[in-house]
N, C-alpha and C. Protein backbone atom coordinates (compact mmCIF):
# COMPACT_ATOMS: atom_id res chain seq x y z
N MET A 1 204.17 232.61 -19.37
CA MET A 1 204.58 233.75 -20.18
C MET A 1 205.63 233.30 -21.20
N ASN A 2 205.35 233.55 -22.46
CA ASN A 2 206.27 233.18 -23.52
C ASN A 2 207.24 234.34 -23.76
N LEU A 3 208.43 234.25 -23.12
CA LEU A 3 209.39 235.34 -23.21
C LEU A 3 209.96 235.49 -24.62
N THR A 4 210.08 234.35 -25.33
CA THR A 4 210.60 234.41 -26.70
C THR A 4 209.64 235.17 -27.60
N ALA A 5 208.34 234.91 -27.43
CA ALA A 5 207.33 235.62 -28.23
C ALA A 5 207.38 237.11 -27.95
N LEU A 6 207.71 237.47 -26.71
CA LEU A 6 207.82 238.89 -26.34
C LEU A 6 209.18 239.48 -26.73
N GLU A 7 210.05 238.63 -27.30
CA GLU A 7 211.41 239.02 -27.70
C GLU A 7 212.23 239.54 -26.52
N PHE A 8 211.93 238.99 -25.34
CA PHE A 8 212.67 239.39 -24.16
C PHE A 8 214.16 239.02 -24.26
N PRO A 9 214.52 237.84 -24.80
CA PRO A 9 215.94 237.53 -24.96
C PRO A 9 216.66 238.55 -25.83
N ARG A 10 215.99 239.07 -26.84
CA ARG A 10 216.61 240.08 -27.69
C ARG A 10 216.85 241.37 -26.91
N VAL A 11 215.91 241.70 -26.03
CA VAL A 11 216.09 242.89 -25.19
C VAL A 11 217.31 242.71 -24.28
N CYS A 12 217.43 241.54 -23.68
CA CYS A 12 218.58 241.26 -22.81
C CYS A 12 219.89 241.30 -23.58
N ALA A 13 219.88 240.74 -24.80
CA ALA A 13 221.08 240.74 -25.62
C ALA A 13 221.49 242.16 -25.98
N ARG A 14 220.50 243.01 -26.26
CA ARG A 14 220.79 244.41 -26.58
C ARG A 14 221.36 245.12 -25.35
N LEU A 15 220.80 244.82 -24.20
CA LEU A 15 221.30 245.40 -22.96
C LEU A 15 222.74 244.97 -22.68
N ALA A 16 223.03 243.70 -22.97
CA ALA A 16 224.37 243.16 -22.70
C ALA A 16 225.44 243.85 -23.54
N GLU A 17 225.06 244.42 -24.66
CA GLU A 17 226.04 245.11 -25.51
C GLU A 17 226.63 246.33 -24.82
N PHE A 18 225.94 246.85 -23.81
CA PHE A 18 226.42 248.03 -23.10
C PHE A 18 227.25 247.67 -21.87
N ALA A 19 227.31 246.40 -21.53
CA ALA A 19 228.09 245.97 -20.37
C ALA A 19 229.58 246.11 -20.66
N VAL A 20 230.37 246.41 -19.63
CA VAL A 20 231.81 246.62 -19.82
C VAL A 20 232.64 245.46 -19.28
N SER A 21 231.98 244.41 -18.82
CA SER A 21 232.72 243.27 -18.29
C SER A 21 231.97 241.97 -18.59
N ALA A 22 232.70 240.87 -18.52
CA ALA A 22 232.09 239.57 -18.75
C ALA A 22 231.00 239.26 -17.72
N PRO A 23 231.24 239.49 -16.42
CA PRO A 23 230.15 239.26 -15.44
C PRO A 23 228.95 240.14 -15.71
N GLY A 24 229.18 241.37 -16.16
CA GLY A 24 228.07 242.26 -16.47
C GLY A 24 227.23 241.75 -17.62
N LYS A 25 227.91 241.25 -18.64
CA LYS A 25 227.17 240.69 -19.79
C LYS A 25 226.34 239.49 -19.36
N GLU A 26 226.94 238.64 -18.51
CA GLU A 26 226.20 237.47 -18.03
C GLU A 26 224.97 237.89 -17.23
N ALA A 27 225.12 238.93 -16.41
CA ALA A 27 224.00 239.40 -15.61
C ALA A 27 222.88 239.94 -16.49
N CYS A 28 223.26 240.64 -17.56
CA CYS A 28 222.24 241.18 -18.48
C CYS A 28 221.50 240.06 -19.20
N LEU A 29 222.25 239.08 -19.67
CA LEU A 29 221.63 237.97 -20.40
C LEU A 29 220.79 237.07 -19.49
N GLY A 30 221.07 237.11 -18.19
CA GLY A 30 220.35 236.25 -17.26
C GLY A 30 219.15 236.92 -16.61
N ARG A 31 218.84 238.13 -17.04
CA ARG A 31 217.69 238.83 -16.45
C ARG A 31 216.38 238.10 -16.76
N THR A 32 215.46 238.15 -15.80
CA THR A 32 214.11 237.60 -16.00
C THR A 32 213.10 238.62 -15.50
N PRO A 33 211.96 238.71 -16.13
CA PRO A 33 210.95 239.68 -15.70
C PRO A 33 210.27 239.23 -14.42
N THR A 34 209.67 240.14 -13.74
CA THR A 34 208.94 239.82 -12.51
C THR A 34 207.44 239.97 -12.73
N ALA A 35 206.68 239.14 -12.04
CA ALA A 35 205.21 239.21 -12.14
C ALA A 35 204.63 240.06 -11.03
N ASP A 36 205.51 240.53 -10.12
CA ASP A 36 205.05 241.35 -9.00
C ASP A 36 205.07 242.82 -9.40
N ARG A 37 203.92 243.47 -9.35
CA ARG A 37 203.81 244.84 -9.82
C ARG A 37 204.67 245.80 -8.98
N ALA A 38 204.65 245.64 -7.68
CA ALA A 38 205.41 246.54 -6.80
C ALA A 38 206.91 246.46 -7.11
N THR A 39 207.38 245.23 -7.31
CA THR A 39 208.80 245.05 -7.64
C THR A 39 209.13 245.69 -8.98
N ALA A 40 208.25 245.51 -9.95
CA ALA A 40 208.48 246.09 -11.27
C ALA A 40 208.52 247.61 -11.20
N GLU A 41 207.57 248.20 -10.45
CA GLU A 41 207.54 249.65 -10.34
C GLU A 41 208.79 250.18 -9.63
N ARG A 42 209.25 249.43 -8.63
CA ARG A 42 210.44 249.84 -7.90
C ARG A 42 211.67 249.82 -8.82
N GLU A 43 211.79 248.79 -9.63
CA GLU A 43 212.92 248.69 -10.54
C GLU A 43 212.85 249.75 -11.64
N ILE A 44 211.66 250.07 -12.09
CA ILE A 44 211.49 251.13 -13.09
C ILE A 44 211.93 252.47 -12.51
N ASP A 45 211.57 252.71 -11.24
CA ASP A 45 211.97 253.95 -10.58
C ASP A 45 213.48 254.02 -10.42
N ARG A 46 214.10 252.91 -10.07
CA ARG A 46 215.57 252.87 -9.95
C ARG A 46 216.23 253.18 -11.28
N THR A 47 215.68 252.62 -12.35
CA THR A 47 216.24 252.87 -13.67
C THR A 47 216.10 254.34 -14.06
N ALA A 48 214.95 254.91 -13.77
CA ALA A 48 214.72 256.31 -14.10
C ALA A 48 215.65 257.23 -13.31
N GLN A 49 215.86 256.93 -12.04
CA GLN A 49 216.75 257.74 -11.22
C GLN A 49 218.21 257.58 -11.67
N ALA A 50 218.58 256.38 -12.06
CA ALA A 50 219.94 256.15 -12.57
C ALA A 50 220.18 256.97 -13.83
N LEU A 51 219.18 257.01 -14.70
CA LEU A 51 219.29 257.80 -15.93
C LEU A 51 219.42 259.29 -15.60
N ARG A 52 218.61 259.75 -14.65
CA ARG A 52 218.67 261.16 -14.27
C ARG A 52 220.03 261.49 -13.64
N LEU A 53 220.57 260.58 -12.85
CA LEU A 53 221.88 260.79 -12.24
C LEU A 53 222.97 260.95 -13.30
N LEU A 54 222.94 260.08 -14.29
CA LEU A 54 223.95 260.13 -15.35
C LEU A 54 223.80 261.39 -16.20
N GLU A 55 222.56 261.81 -16.43
CA GLU A 55 222.33 263.03 -17.21
C GLU A 55 222.80 264.27 -16.45
N THR A 56 222.72 264.21 -15.13
CA THR A 56 223.08 265.37 -14.30
C THR A 56 224.57 265.43 -14.00
N HIS A 57 225.16 264.27 -13.69
CA HIS A 57 226.54 264.25 -13.22
C HIS A 57 227.51 263.56 -14.18
N GLY A 58 227.05 263.12 -15.30
CA GLY A 58 227.94 262.47 -16.25
C GLY A 58 228.07 260.98 -15.99
N ASP A 59 228.82 260.31 -16.85
CA ASP A 59 228.96 258.86 -16.73
C ASP A 59 229.64 258.46 -15.42
N ALA A 60 229.22 257.33 -14.90
CA ALA A 60 229.88 256.77 -13.71
C ALA A 60 231.26 256.27 -14.10
N PRO A 61 232.21 256.26 -13.15
CA PRO A 61 233.58 255.81 -13.45
C PRO A 61 233.65 254.29 -13.57
N LEU A 62 232.90 253.77 -14.51
CA LEU A 62 232.83 252.32 -14.70
C LEU A 62 233.47 251.97 -16.03
N THR A 63 234.72 251.56 -15.99
CA THR A 63 235.44 251.18 -17.19
C THR A 63 235.57 249.66 -17.26
N GLY A 64 236.03 249.17 -18.38
CA GLY A 64 236.20 247.73 -18.52
C GLY A 64 237.14 247.17 -17.48
N PHE A 65 236.80 246.03 -16.94
CA PHE A 65 237.65 245.39 -15.93
C PHE A 65 237.61 243.87 -16.14
N PRO A 66 238.67 243.18 -15.72
CA PRO A 66 238.76 241.73 -15.96
C PRO A 66 237.82 240.93 -15.07
N ASP A 67 237.56 239.72 -15.49
CA ASP A 67 236.74 238.79 -14.71
C ASP A 67 237.67 238.07 -13.73
N VAL A 68 237.57 238.41 -12.46
CA VAL A 68 238.48 237.83 -11.46
C VAL A 68 237.84 236.67 -10.68
N ARG A 69 236.69 236.23 -11.11
CA ARG A 69 236.04 235.12 -10.38
C ARG A 69 236.90 233.87 -10.34
N PRO A 70 237.57 233.48 -11.45
CA PRO A 70 238.45 232.31 -11.36
C PRO A 70 239.59 232.51 -10.35
N HIS A 71 240.11 233.74 -10.27
CA HIS A 71 241.18 234.02 -9.31
C HIS A 71 240.68 233.87 -7.87
N LEU A 72 239.47 234.34 -7.62
CA LEU A 72 238.91 234.25 -6.28
C LEU A 72 238.65 232.80 -5.88
N ARG A 73 238.21 232.00 -6.85
CA ARG A 73 237.99 230.58 -6.55
C ARG A 73 239.32 229.89 -6.24
N THR A 74 240.36 230.28 -6.96
CA THR A 74 241.68 229.70 -6.69
C THR A 74 242.18 230.11 -5.31
N ALA A 75 242.05 231.39 -5.00
CA ALA A 75 242.55 231.90 -3.72
C ALA A 75 241.78 231.34 -2.53
N ALA A 76 240.57 230.86 -2.77
CA ALA A 76 239.75 230.34 -1.68
C ALA A 76 240.29 229.02 -1.14
N HIS A 77 241.12 228.33 -1.92
CA HIS A 77 241.69 227.05 -1.48
C HIS A 77 242.93 227.30 -0.61
N GLU A 78 242.97 226.68 0.51
CA GLU A 78 244.11 226.84 1.42
C GLU A 78 245.40 226.38 0.75
N GLY A 79 246.41 227.21 0.81
CA GLY A 79 247.71 226.87 0.23
C GLY A 79 247.88 227.32 -1.20
N PHE A 80 246.81 227.72 -1.86
CA PHE A 80 246.90 228.21 -3.24
C PHE A 80 247.26 229.69 -3.23
N VAL A 81 248.06 230.09 -4.20
CA VAL A 81 248.45 231.50 -4.31
C VAL A 81 248.19 231.99 -5.73
N LEU A 82 248.06 233.29 -5.88
CA LEU A 82 247.85 233.90 -7.19
C LEU A 82 249.16 234.49 -7.68
N ASP A 83 249.38 234.42 -9.00
CA ASP A 83 250.59 235.02 -9.55
C ASP A 83 250.41 236.53 -9.67
N GLY A 84 251.49 237.21 -10.08
CA GLY A 84 251.46 238.65 -10.15
C GLY A 84 250.41 239.19 -11.10
N LYS A 85 250.26 238.57 -12.26
CA LYS A 85 249.27 239.05 -13.23
C LYS A 85 247.87 238.97 -12.67
N ALA A 86 247.54 237.87 -12.00
CA ALA A 86 246.21 237.72 -11.42
C ALA A 86 245.97 238.76 -10.33
N LEU A 87 246.99 239.03 -9.53
CA LEU A 87 246.85 240.02 -8.47
C LEU A 87 246.65 241.43 -9.04
N VAL A 88 247.31 241.72 -10.15
CA VAL A 88 247.10 243.02 -10.80
C VAL A 88 245.64 243.16 -11.25
N GLU A 89 245.08 242.09 -11.79
CA GLU A 89 243.68 242.12 -12.23
C GLU A 89 242.74 242.31 -11.03
N VAL A 90 243.06 241.67 -9.92
CA VAL A 90 242.26 241.86 -8.71
C VAL A 90 242.34 243.33 -8.27
N GLY A 91 243.55 243.89 -8.33
CA GLY A 91 243.72 245.29 -7.96
C GLY A 91 242.93 246.22 -8.85
N THR A 92 242.85 245.89 -10.15
CA THR A 92 242.07 246.71 -11.08
C THR A 92 240.60 246.73 -10.69
N VAL A 93 240.07 245.56 -10.35
CA VAL A 93 238.66 245.47 -9.95
C VAL A 93 238.42 246.24 -8.65
N LEU A 94 239.36 246.17 -7.72
CA LEU A 94 239.22 246.90 -6.46
C LEU A 94 239.19 248.41 -6.70
N THR A 95 240.00 248.88 -7.63
CA THR A 95 240.02 250.31 -7.95
C THR A 95 238.69 250.75 -8.55
N VAL A 96 238.18 249.96 -9.49
CA VAL A 96 236.89 250.28 -10.12
C VAL A 96 235.78 250.29 -9.07
N ALA A 97 235.79 249.32 -8.18
CA ALA A 97 234.75 249.24 -7.14
C ALA A 97 234.80 250.45 -6.22
N ARG A 98 235.98 250.84 -5.83
CA ARG A 98 236.11 252.00 -4.93
C ARG A 98 235.62 253.27 -5.60
N GLU A 99 236.06 253.50 -6.84
CA GLU A 99 235.66 254.72 -7.54
C GLU A 99 234.15 254.76 -7.79
N LEU A 100 233.58 253.60 -8.09
CA LEU A 100 232.13 253.54 -8.33
C LEU A 100 231.36 253.80 -7.04
N SER A 101 231.83 253.24 -5.93
CA SER A 101 231.17 253.46 -4.65
C SER A 101 231.22 254.93 -4.26
N VAL A 102 232.36 255.57 -4.46
CA VAL A 102 232.49 256.99 -4.15
C VAL A 102 231.55 257.82 -5.00
N PHE A 103 231.43 257.48 -6.27
CA PHE A 103 230.56 258.22 -7.18
C PHE A 103 229.11 258.20 -6.71
N PHE A 104 228.61 257.03 -6.35
CA PHE A 104 227.21 256.92 -5.94
C PHE A 104 226.98 257.56 -4.56
N ARG A 105 227.93 257.45 -3.67
CA ARG A 105 227.78 258.09 -2.35
C ARG A 105 227.71 259.61 -2.51
N ARG A 106 228.47 260.13 -3.44
CA ARG A 106 228.53 261.57 -3.64
C ARG A 106 227.23 262.12 -4.21
N HIS A 107 226.51 261.29 -4.99
CA HIS A 107 225.33 261.78 -5.69
C HIS A 107 224.03 261.09 -5.26
N LEU A 108 223.99 260.60 -4.03
CA LEU A 108 222.79 259.90 -3.56
C LEU A 108 221.56 260.81 -3.53
N ALA A 109 221.77 262.10 -3.35
CA ALA A 109 220.63 263.01 -3.29
C ALA A 109 219.89 263.05 -4.62
N THR A 110 220.63 262.80 -5.71
CA THR A 110 220.01 262.79 -7.03
C THR A 110 219.25 261.50 -7.28
N ALA A 111 219.70 260.41 -6.65
CA ALA A 111 219.08 259.11 -6.91
C ALA A 111 218.95 258.33 -5.61
N PRO A 112 218.03 258.70 -4.73
CA PRO A 112 217.87 258.02 -3.44
C PRO A 112 217.48 256.54 -3.58
N ALA A 113 216.87 256.19 -4.71
CA ALA A 113 216.48 254.80 -4.90
C ALA A 113 217.69 253.89 -5.08
N LEU A 114 218.85 254.50 -5.31
CA LEU A 114 220.09 253.72 -5.50
C LEU A 114 220.97 253.76 -4.26
N ALA A 115 220.38 254.05 -3.12
CA ALA A 115 221.15 254.18 -1.88
C ALA A 115 221.86 252.89 -1.49
N ASP A 116 221.38 251.76 -1.98
CA ASP A 116 221.99 250.47 -1.63
C ASP A 116 223.24 250.17 -2.44
N VAL A 117 223.45 250.88 -3.55
CA VAL A 117 224.56 250.56 -4.45
C VAL A 117 225.92 250.71 -3.78
N PRO A 118 226.21 251.81 -3.06
CA PRO A 118 227.54 251.92 -2.44
C PRO A 118 227.86 250.77 -1.48
N ASN A 119 226.85 250.29 -0.78
CA ASN A 119 227.09 249.17 0.15
C ASN A 119 227.27 247.85 -0.59
N ARG A 120 226.65 247.71 -1.74
CA ARG A 120 226.79 246.47 -2.53
C ARG A 120 228.13 246.44 -3.25
N VAL A 121 228.63 247.62 -3.62
CA VAL A 121 229.94 247.70 -4.29
C VAL A 121 230.96 248.04 -3.21
N ARG A 122 231.46 247.05 -2.54
CA ARG A 122 232.35 247.25 -1.39
C ARG A 122 233.76 247.61 -1.85
N ALA A 123 234.37 248.50 -1.09
CA ALA A 123 235.76 248.90 -1.36
C ALA A 123 236.67 248.28 -0.31
N PHE A 124 237.87 247.91 -0.73
CA PHE A 124 238.88 247.36 0.18
C PHE A 124 240.16 248.17 -0.02
N PRO A 125 240.19 249.41 0.47
CA PRO A 125 241.33 250.30 0.21
C PRO A 125 242.66 249.77 0.72
N SER A 126 242.66 249.07 1.86
CA SER A 126 243.92 248.56 2.39
C SER A 126 244.53 247.53 1.44
N LEU A 127 243.70 246.59 0.97
CA LEU A 127 244.19 245.58 0.03
C LEU A 127 244.58 246.22 -1.30
N GLU A 128 243.77 247.15 -1.77
CA GLU A 128 244.08 247.84 -3.02
C GLU A 128 245.43 248.55 -2.94
N ASN A 129 245.67 249.25 -1.85
CA ASN A 129 246.93 249.98 -1.68
C ASN A 129 248.12 249.02 -1.56
N SER A 130 247.90 247.90 -0.88
CA SER A 130 248.99 246.92 -0.73
C SER A 130 249.41 246.35 -2.08
N LEU A 131 248.42 246.03 -2.92
CA LEU A 131 248.73 245.49 -4.25
C LEU A 131 249.41 246.54 -5.12
N ALA A 132 248.94 247.78 -5.05
CA ALA A 132 249.54 248.85 -5.86
C ALA A 132 250.98 249.12 -5.42
N ARG A 133 251.25 248.97 -4.15
CA ARG A 133 252.59 249.21 -3.63
C ARG A 133 253.54 248.08 -3.99
N ALA A 134 253.02 246.88 -4.09
CA ALA A 134 253.88 245.71 -4.26
C ALA A 134 254.14 245.32 -5.71
N LEU A 135 253.23 245.69 -6.64
CA LEU A 135 253.32 245.18 -8.01
C LEU A 135 253.30 246.31 -9.02
N ASP A 136 254.02 246.10 -10.14
CA ASP A 136 253.90 247.04 -11.24
C ASP A 136 252.75 246.59 -12.14
N ASP A 137 252.56 247.29 -13.26
CA ASP A 137 251.41 246.99 -14.13
C ASP A 137 251.49 245.61 -14.77
N HIS A 138 252.68 245.01 -14.79
CA HIS A 138 252.85 243.70 -15.41
C HIS A 138 252.88 242.56 -14.38
N GLY A 139 252.69 242.90 -13.12
CA GLY A 139 252.67 241.88 -12.10
C GLY A 139 254.02 241.56 -11.50
N ASN A 140 255.04 242.34 -11.84
CA ASN A 140 256.36 242.12 -11.25
C ASN A 140 256.41 242.74 -9.86
N VAL A 141 257.09 242.05 -8.95
CA VAL A 141 257.18 242.52 -7.57
C VAL A 141 258.16 243.68 -7.49
N LEU A 142 257.73 244.78 -6.92
CA LEU A 142 258.55 245.98 -6.79
C LEU A 142 259.42 245.91 -5.54
N ASP A 143 260.52 246.66 -5.55
CA ASP A 143 261.39 246.70 -4.38
C ASP A 143 260.64 247.17 -3.14
N GLN A 144 259.70 248.10 -3.35
CA GLN A 144 258.99 248.69 -2.22
C GLN A 144 257.94 247.76 -1.63
N ALA A 145 257.84 246.54 -2.15
CA ALA A 145 256.87 245.59 -1.59
C ALA A 145 257.13 245.35 -0.11
N SER A 146 258.40 245.35 0.27
CA SER A 146 258.74 245.22 1.69
C SER A 146 260.14 245.78 1.91
N ASP A 147 260.42 246.20 3.12
CA ASP A 147 261.75 246.73 3.43
C ASP A 147 262.82 245.67 3.27
N GLU A 148 262.46 244.42 3.63
CA GLU A 148 263.44 243.33 3.53
C GLU A 148 263.80 243.08 2.07
N LEU A 149 262.79 243.04 1.20
CA LEU A 149 263.05 242.81 -0.22
C LEU A 149 263.88 243.94 -0.81
N ALA A 150 263.57 245.17 -0.44
CA ALA A 150 264.33 246.33 -0.95
C ALA A 150 265.79 246.21 -0.55
N ALA A 151 266.05 245.80 0.69
CA ALA A 151 267.43 245.68 1.17
C ALA A 151 268.18 244.58 0.42
N VAL A 152 267.50 243.43 0.21
CA VAL A 152 268.13 242.32 -0.50
C VAL A 152 268.46 242.70 -1.94
N ARG A 153 267.52 243.32 -2.62
CA ARG A 153 267.75 243.70 -4.02
C ARG A 153 268.82 244.77 -4.14
N HIS A 154 268.88 245.67 -3.16
CA HIS A 154 269.94 246.69 -3.17
C HIS A 154 271.31 246.03 -3.04
N THR A 155 271.40 245.04 -2.16
CA THR A 155 272.65 244.31 -1.99
C THR A 155 273.04 243.58 -3.27
N ILE A 156 272.07 242.94 -3.91
CA ILE A 156 272.34 242.22 -5.15
C ILE A 156 272.84 243.17 -6.24
N ARG A 157 272.18 244.32 -6.38
CA ARG A 157 272.61 245.29 -7.39
C ARG A 157 274.02 245.79 -7.11
N THR A 158 274.32 246.03 -5.83
CA THR A 158 275.65 246.51 -5.47
C THR A 158 276.71 245.48 -5.80
N LEU A 159 276.45 244.21 -5.45
CA LEU A 159 277.41 243.14 -5.75
C LEU A 159 277.58 242.94 -7.24
N ARG A 160 276.47 243.02 -7.99
CA ARG A 160 276.54 242.85 -9.44
C ARG A 160 277.35 243.96 -10.08
N ASP A 161 277.12 245.18 -9.64
CA ASP A 161 277.87 246.31 -10.19
C ASP A 161 279.35 246.20 -9.86
N THR A 162 279.65 245.76 -8.64
CA THR A 162 281.05 245.59 -8.24
C THR A 162 281.73 244.52 -9.08
N LEU A 163 281.05 243.39 -9.29
CA LEU A 163 281.61 242.31 -10.08
C LEU A 163 281.80 242.73 -11.53
N ALA A 164 280.82 243.45 -12.08
CA ALA A 164 280.94 243.91 -13.47
C ALA A 164 282.13 244.85 -13.62
N ARG A 165 282.31 245.73 -12.66
CA ARG A 165 283.44 246.67 -12.73
C ARG A 165 284.78 245.95 -12.65
N ARG A 166 284.87 244.96 -11.80
CA ARG A 166 286.12 244.21 -11.67
C ARG A 166 286.42 243.40 -12.93
N LEU A 167 285.38 242.82 -13.52
CA LEU A 167 285.59 242.06 -14.75
C LEU A 167 286.03 242.98 -15.88
N GLU A 168 285.44 244.17 -15.96
CA GLU A 168 285.85 245.12 -17.00
C GLU A 168 287.29 245.56 -16.80
N GLU A 169 287.70 245.73 -15.54
CA GLU A 169 289.10 246.06 -15.26
C GLU A 169 290.01 244.92 -15.70
N LEU A 170 289.55 243.68 -15.49
CA LEU A 170 290.34 242.51 -15.86
C LEU A 170 290.54 242.43 -17.36
N VAL A 171 289.45 242.52 -18.14
CA VAL A 171 289.58 242.37 -19.59
C VAL A 171 290.27 243.57 -20.21
N GLY A 172 290.37 244.68 -19.45
CA GLY A 172 291.05 245.86 -19.98
C GLY A 172 292.55 245.85 -19.78
N ARG A 173 293.05 244.88 -19.07
CA ARG A 173 294.50 244.81 -18.84
C ARG A 173 295.24 244.44 -20.12
N ALA A 174 296.46 244.97 -20.22
CA ALA A 174 297.28 244.69 -21.41
C ALA A 174 297.57 243.20 -21.53
N SER A 175 297.71 242.53 -20.40
CA SER A 175 298.02 241.10 -20.42
C SER A 175 296.88 240.25 -20.96
N MET A 176 295.70 240.84 -21.07
CA MET A 176 294.54 240.10 -21.57
C MET A 176 294.28 240.36 -23.05
N ALA A 177 295.11 241.17 -23.67
CA ALA A 177 294.84 241.59 -25.05
C ALA A 177 294.71 240.41 -26.02
N GLU A 178 295.52 239.36 -25.82
CA GLU A 178 295.48 238.22 -26.74
C GLU A 178 294.40 237.21 -26.37
N LEU A 179 293.76 237.42 -25.23
CA LEU A 179 292.77 236.45 -24.77
C LEU A 179 291.33 236.88 -25.00
N VAL A 180 291.14 238.17 -25.20
CA VAL A 180 289.77 238.68 -25.39
C VAL A 180 289.66 239.40 -26.72
N SER A 181 288.48 239.34 -27.30
CA SER A 181 288.25 240.01 -28.58
C SER A 181 287.78 241.44 -28.41
N ASP A 182 287.39 241.80 -27.18
CA ASP A 182 286.97 243.17 -26.90
C ASP A 182 287.08 243.42 -25.41
N THR A 183 287.02 244.67 -25.02
CA THR A 183 287.22 245.03 -23.62
C THR A 183 285.90 245.40 -22.94
N TYR A 184 284.88 244.62 -23.17
CA TYR A 184 283.61 244.88 -22.51
C TYR A 184 283.07 243.58 -21.93
N VAL A 185 282.16 243.71 -20.99
CA VAL A 185 281.52 242.57 -20.35
C VAL A 185 280.01 242.77 -20.47
N THR A 186 279.34 241.73 -20.94
CA THR A 186 277.89 241.80 -21.08
C THR A 186 277.22 240.80 -20.15
N VAL A 187 275.90 240.87 -20.08
CA VAL A 187 275.12 239.94 -19.27
C VAL A 187 274.09 239.25 -20.15
N ARG A 188 274.15 237.93 -20.17
CA ARG A 188 273.19 237.14 -20.94
C ARG A 188 272.62 236.05 -20.04
N ASN A 189 271.30 235.98 -20.03
CA ASN A 189 270.63 234.97 -19.20
C ASN A 189 271.10 235.04 -17.74
N ASN A 190 271.25 236.28 -17.25
CA ASN A 190 271.66 236.53 -15.87
C ASN A 190 273.07 236.05 -15.57
N ARG A 191 273.93 235.96 -16.61
CA ARG A 191 275.32 235.56 -16.40
C ARG A 191 276.22 236.57 -17.09
N PHE A 192 277.37 236.84 -16.45
CA PHE A 192 278.34 237.72 -17.07
C PHE A 192 279.04 236.97 -18.22
N VAL A 193 279.26 237.66 -19.31
CA VAL A 193 279.89 237.06 -20.49
C VAL A 193 281.11 237.88 -20.88
N ILE A 194 282.25 237.20 -20.93
CA ILE A 194 283.50 237.83 -21.34
C ILE A 194 283.83 237.34 -22.75
N PRO A 195 284.16 238.26 -23.68
CA PRO A 195 284.41 237.86 -25.07
C PRO A 195 285.80 237.25 -25.26
N PHE A 196 286.02 236.08 -24.66
CA PHE A 196 287.29 235.39 -24.85
C PHE A 196 287.46 234.93 -26.29
N VAL A 197 288.70 234.85 -26.74
CA VAL A 197 289.03 234.27 -28.04
C VAL A 197 289.68 232.92 -27.78
N PRO A 198 288.98 231.84 -27.97
CA PRO A 198 289.55 230.52 -27.70
C PRO A 198 290.75 230.22 -28.60
N ALA A 199 291.78 229.66 -27.99
CA ALA A 199 292.95 229.28 -28.79
C ALA A 199 292.64 228.01 -29.56
N PRO A 200 293.15 227.88 -30.81
CA PRO A 200 292.91 226.66 -31.58
C PRO A 200 293.43 225.44 -30.83
N TRP A 201 292.78 224.32 -31.02
CA TRP A 201 293.18 223.10 -30.34
C TRP A 201 294.61 222.72 -30.71
N GLY A 202 295.39 222.38 -29.68
CA GLY A 202 296.74 221.89 -29.92
C GLY A 202 297.79 222.97 -29.99
N GLU A 203 297.39 224.26 -30.05
CA GLU A 203 298.39 225.31 -30.16
C GLU A 203 298.84 225.83 -28.82
N SER A 204 298.07 225.51 -27.76
CA SER A 204 298.44 226.01 -26.44
C SER A 204 298.20 224.93 -25.41
N LYS A 205 299.16 224.83 -24.48
CA LYS A 205 298.98 223.85 -23.42
C LYS A 205 297.79 224.22 -22.56
N GLU A 206 297.59 225.54 -22.40
CA GLU A 206 296.44 226.01 -21.64
C GLU A 206 295.38 226.48 -22.62
N SER A 207 294.62 225.55 -23.13
CA SER A 207 293.56 225.88 -24.09
C SER A 207 292.23 225.89 -23.38
N PHE A 208 291.29 226.64 -23.92
CA PHE A 208 289.95 226.74 -23.34
C PHE A 208 289.04 225.69 -23.95
N ARG A 209 288.39 224.90 -23.07
CA ARG A 209 287.42 223.94 -23.56
C ARG A 209 286.06 224.62 -23.62
N THR A 210 285.73 225.14 -24.78
CA THR A 210 284.47 225.88 -24.91
C THR A 210 283.52 225.25 -25.91
N GLY A 211 284.05 224.57 -26.91
CA GLY A 211 283.18 224.02 -27.92
C GLY A 211 282.63 225.08 -28.86
N ARG A 212 283.18 226.30 -28.84
CA ARG A 212 282.71 227.38 -29.69
C ARG A 212 283.71 227.67 -30.80
N SER A 213 283.21 228.33 -31.81
CA SER A 213 284.09 228.72 -32.90
C SER A 213 285.01 229.84 -32.42
N PRO A 214 286.27 229.90 -32.92
CA PRO A 214 287.20 230.95 -32.50
C PRO A 214 286.61 232.32 -32.74
N GLY A 215 286.85 233.20 -31.75
CA GLY A 215 286.42 234.58 -31.91
C GLY A 215 285.07 234.87 -31.33
N LYS A 216 284.29 233.81 -30.94
CA LYS A 216 282.96 234.04 -30.40
C LYS A 216 283.03 234.09 -28.87
N PRO A 217 282.26 235.03 -28.24
CA PRO A 217 282.29 235.15 -26.79
C PRO A 217 281.59 233.98 -26.12
N PHE A 218 281.92 233.75 -24.86
CA PHE A 218 281.23 232.73 -24.11
C PHE A 218 281.19 233.16 -22.65
N SER A 219 280.33 232.53 -21.89
CA SER A 219 280.15 232.92 -20.50
C SER A 219 281.40 232.63 -19.70
N SER A 220 281.77 233.59 -18.85
CA SER A 220 282.98 233.42 -18.05
C SER A 220 282.86 232.25 -17.08
N ASN A 221 281.66 231.96 -16.60
CA ASN A 221 281.52 230.87 -15.64
C ASN A 221 281.49 229.51 -16.29
N ARG A 222 281.65 229.45 -17.61
CA ARG A 222 281.73 228.17 -18.31
C ARG A 222 283.14 227.91 -18.81
N CYS A 223 284.06 228.83 -18.51
CA CYS A 223 285.43 228.71 -19.00
C CYS A 223 286.22 227.78 -18.10
N SER A 224 286.96 226.84 -18.67
CA SER A 224 287.83 225.96 -17.87
C SER A 224 289.13 225.75 -18.62
N ARG A 225 290.14 225.32 -17.92
CA ARG A 225 291.45 225.11 -18.55
C ARG A 225 291.90 223.66 -18.38
N SER A 226 292.68 223.21 -19.34
CA SER A 226 293.23 221.85 -19.25
C SER A 226 294.73 221.93 -19.08
N ASN A 227 295.27 221.08 -18.28
CA ASN A 227 296.73 221.06 -18.05
C ASN A 227 297.42 220.20 -19.09
């Protein structure tokens, strides 16, 4: 059978334009016809029932989703882990799979020929919920990922707030007026920064070795004194 003469590749390419994912497009482009009449009639019936289902109940909840096959291959190796972004993409696919499975189970009476679809589109609600609980949309780990993490981060925030308050009290003292250019404390690159005004070289026995121009702030943990 000369599929090119029948323009079958063009049919597959046209079908692929309606796919919402990279794996879906590949599946459409990789279709081949069957020479078995019973199989062909069965697939035609499935297509007709799918069309009737969509006409009756509206579009299936099938939105665009990422290709997670590379992530799954990585995770299959012992000792390999996925980063937050990859896990978010896996969670997206799990959500789509669950919603699609629910949709077909709910409307099987309209399309009995598609009874196998819910079982082929497996849902993993426990894993999906765990990922949603642990990660935000950008793949950052949330405090609620575990009780231990929440406790540690709470302690860190408390200590940071306490340290910031004490530093602000320090730079606000009258005795610090000639040493700081302002009475605020900022955070840069996860370090507290106090706007010290370095004394010109040679004018003070206790001068700051900063290497910065006078009047510019520098990190408090980089400040040192010379005797």
